[in-house]
Protein backbone atom coordinates (compact mmCIF):
# COMPACT_ATOMS: atom_id res chain seq x y z
CA MET A 1 96.62 179.45 39.32
CA ALA A 2 98.67 181.97 37.34
CA VAL A 3 99.83 179.21 35.04
CA ALA A 4 96.25 178.07 34.39
CA LYS A 5 95.21 181.65 33.51
CA LYS A 6 98.17 181.99 31.16
CA ALA A 7 97.31 178.69 29.46
CA ALA A 8 93.69 179.71 29.13
CA LYS A 9 94.72 182.93 27.33
CA ALA A 10 96.84 181.12 24.76
CA LYS A 11 95.20 181.35 21.36
CA PRO A 12 95.93 178.96 18.49
CA VAL A 13 98.04 180.55 15.78
CA LYS A 14 96.47 180.46 12.32
CA ALA A 15 98.55 178.15 10.11
CA LYS A 16 100.33 179.75 7.14
CA PRO A 17 101.92 177.48 4.52
CA ALA A 18 105.68 177.49 4.72
CA ASN A 19 107.71 178.24 1.59
CA LEU A 20 110.17 175.42 1.92
CA LYS A 21 112.93 174.64 -0.54
CA THR A 22 113.01 171.01 0.58
CA VAL A 23 109.76 169.47 -0.62
CA VAL A 24 108.76 165.97 -1.61
CA SER A 25 109.03 165.07 -5.29
CA ASP A 26 108.10 162.22 -7.60
CA ALA A 27 111.79 161.64 -8.48
CA SER A 28 112.90 158.02 -8.39
CA VAL A 29 114.72 157.02 -5.23
CA SER A 30 116.33 154.02 -6.96
CA GLU A 31 117.60 156.24 -9.82
CA PHE A 32 118.97 158.73 -7.30
CA LEU A 33 120.77 156.00 -5.36
CA ALA A 34 122.18 154.46 -8.56
CA SER A 35 123.45 157.89 -9.69
CA ILE A 36 125.68 158.50 -6.67
CA PRO A 37 129.11 158.84 -8.27
CA ASP A 38 131.28 157.51 -5.42
CA PRO A 39 131.03 153.70 -5.29
CA GLY A 40 131.53 153.59 -1.51
CA GLN A 41 128.82 156.18 -0.88
CA ARG A 42 126.55 154.43 -3.35
CA SER A 43 127.00 151.16 -1.44
CA ASP A 44 126.53 152.87 1.91
CA SER A 45 123.39 154.59 0.64
CA ALA A 46 121.95 151.26 -0.50
CA MET A 47 122.62 149.83 2.98
CA LEU A 48 121.05 152.85 4.68
CA HIS A 49 118.03 152.47 2.43
CA GLU A 50 117.67 148.83 3.56
CA ILE A 51 117.95 149.84 7.25
CA PHE A 52 115.48 152.72 7.02
CA ALA A 53 112.99 150.84 4.82
CA ALA A 54 112.98 147.83 7.19
CA ALA A 55 112.59 150.05 10.29
CA THR A 56 109.93 152.41 8.93
CA LYS A 57 108.06 149.98 6.60
CA GLU A 58 107.47 153.09 4.47
CA LYS A 59 108.06 153.66 0.77
CA PRO A 60 110.96 156.14 0.40
CA ARG A 61 110.44 159.44 -1.37
CA MET A 62 112.86 162.08 -2.56
CA TRP A 63 112.89 165.39 -0.67
CA GLY A 64 114.62 168.41 -2.19
CA GLY A 65 116.52 166.30 -4.71
CA ARG A 66 119.17 164.95 -2.26
CA ILE A 67 117.31 163.52 0.75
CA VAL A 68 115.73 160.08 0.84
CA GLY A 69 112.84 160.40 3.28
CA TYR A 70 110.62 157.80 4.94
CA GLY A 71 107.20 158.50 6.34
CA GLU A 72 105.60 161.90 6.48
CA TYR A 73 103.91 164.14 9.02
CA SER A 74 102.24 167.52 8.94
CA TYR A 75 103.17 170.27 11.34
CA VAL A 76 102.26 173.75 12.45
CA GLY A 77 105.21 175.48 14.05
CA ARG A 78 105.14 178.05 16.85
CA SER A 79 105.39 180.80 14.23
CA GLY A 80 102.20 179.48 12.62
CA ARG A 81 103.98 178.15 9.54
CA ALA A 82 102.59 174.84 8.35
CA GLY A 83 104.08 172.14 6.17
CA ASP A 84 104.82 168.48 5.61
CA TRP A 85 108.09 166.77 6.38
CA TYR A 86 109.65 163.30 6.49
CA VAL A 87 109.92 161.39 9.74
CA ALA A 88 113.29 159.80 8.99
CA GLY A 89 115.80 159.96 6.18
CA PHE A 90 119.35 160.24 4.96
CA ALA A 91 121.36 162.25 2.47
CA PRO A 92 124.72 161.41 0.95
CA GLN A 93 126.79 164.59 1.18
CA LYS A 94 130.32 165.29 0.07
CA GLY A 95 132.50 163.24 2.45
CA THR A 96 129.71 162.29 4.84
CA MET A 97 126.33 160.65 5.21
CA THR A 98 123.75 162.69 7.07
CA LEU A 99 120.98 160.79 8.84
CA TYR A 100 117.83 162.63 9.93
CA MET A 101 115.21 161.66 12.50
CA LEU A 102 112.32 163.62 13.99
CA GLY A 103 113.30 164.06 17.61
CA GLY A 104 116.99 163.51 16.93
CA TRP A 105 119.45 160.87 18.00
CA ALA A 106 120.95 162.06 21.31
CA ALA A 107 118.57 160.06 23.58
CA ASP A 108 120.31 156.77 22.70
CA LYS A 109 123.59 157.34 24.53
CA ALA A 110 124.39 153.63 24.98
CA LEU A 111 123.82 152.85 21.29
CA LEU A 112 125.73 155.94 20.23
CA ALA A 113 128.67 154.76 22.37
CA ARG A 114 128.60 151.38 20.56
CA LEU A 115 128.09 152.93 17.13
CA GLY A 116 131.67 153.92 16.31
CA LYS A 117 132.89 157.01 14.47
CA HIS A 118 130.13 159.60 14.21
CA SER A 119 129.18 163.13 15.16
CA LEU A 120 125.89 164.68 16.13
CA GLY A 121 124.23 167.91 15.11
CA VAL A 122 120.83 169.24 16.00
CA GLY A 123 118.65 166.32 14.87
CA CYS A 124 121.37 164.97 12.55
CA LEU A 125 123.74 162.04 12.82
CA TYR A 126 126.87 162.27 10.64
CA LEU A 127 128.79 159.23 9.46
CA LYS A 128 131.83 159.25 7.16
CA ARG A 129 131.30 155.65 6.02
CA LEU A 130 129.41 152.63 7.24
CA ALA A 131 132.65 150.63 7.49
CA ASP A 132 133.45 152.83 10.54
CA VAL A 133 130.29 151.88 12.46
CA ASP A 134 128.68 148.89 14.08
CA LEU A 135 125.76 148.08 11.76
CA LYS A 136 123.78 146.29 14.51
CA ALA A 137 124.09 149.35 16.71
CA LEU A 138 123.06 151.59 13.80
CA THR A 139 120.02 149.44 13.00
CA ALA A 140 118.98 149.47 16.68
CA LEU A 141 119.58 153.23 16.81
CA VAL A 142 117.32 153.85 13.84
CA THR A 143 114.65 151.55 15.25
CA ASP A 144 114.70 153.13 18.73
CA ALA A 145 114.78 156.71 17.39
CA LEU A 146 111.87 155.89 15.07
CA LYS A 147 109.72 154.73 17.98
CA ARG A 148 110.20 158.13 19.65
CA ALA A 149 109.59 159.96 16.34
CA LYS A 150 106.25 158.19 15.91
CA VAL A 151 105.18 159.49 19.33
CA ILE A 152 106.30 163.03 18.50
CA ALA A 153 104.85 163.29 14.96
CA PRO A 154 101.16 163.45 15.94
CA THR A 155 101.87 166.29 18.37
CA MET A 156 103.47 168.51 15.73
CA MET A 157 100.13 169.89 14.58
CA ASN A 158 99.70 171.54 18.00
CA GLN A 159 102.87 173.59 18.03
CA GLY A 160 101.11 176.77 16.94
CA ALA A 161 98.91 176.77 20.04
CA ARG A 162 101.76 177.16 22.48
């Protein structure tokens, strides 16, 4: 009963636009990928683009100048800040490739075990180079994580009401 009373008292938080540095732009994804100076990273980025595009069936867009993002969702966070974000994406960084997915990657322990050399952060998967990983496992990992992300994305507008 106490829980029901507490839930009844919860009031939605009024959404305030977030002032994000990482926003979507009209920059060309193909030009960005072609401009990556390191040939290995350029090749790996092209392969990641193929994997993400096939899995998401979304047109990629540039986010913040360095992130190739696929899909988009709107959110209202617990603080009341609102914004738009990509569902999945990747960014070539110095010495690593960072892969992003709404909901993260940790749920796929069996696929992560098959993947090969990688590390995990909060919501990020880090790879040094694709030659170090099993591409079939990576493709399955992206596909499975995307299924979970698509379930999570519609709920993100309700975060301010908690």
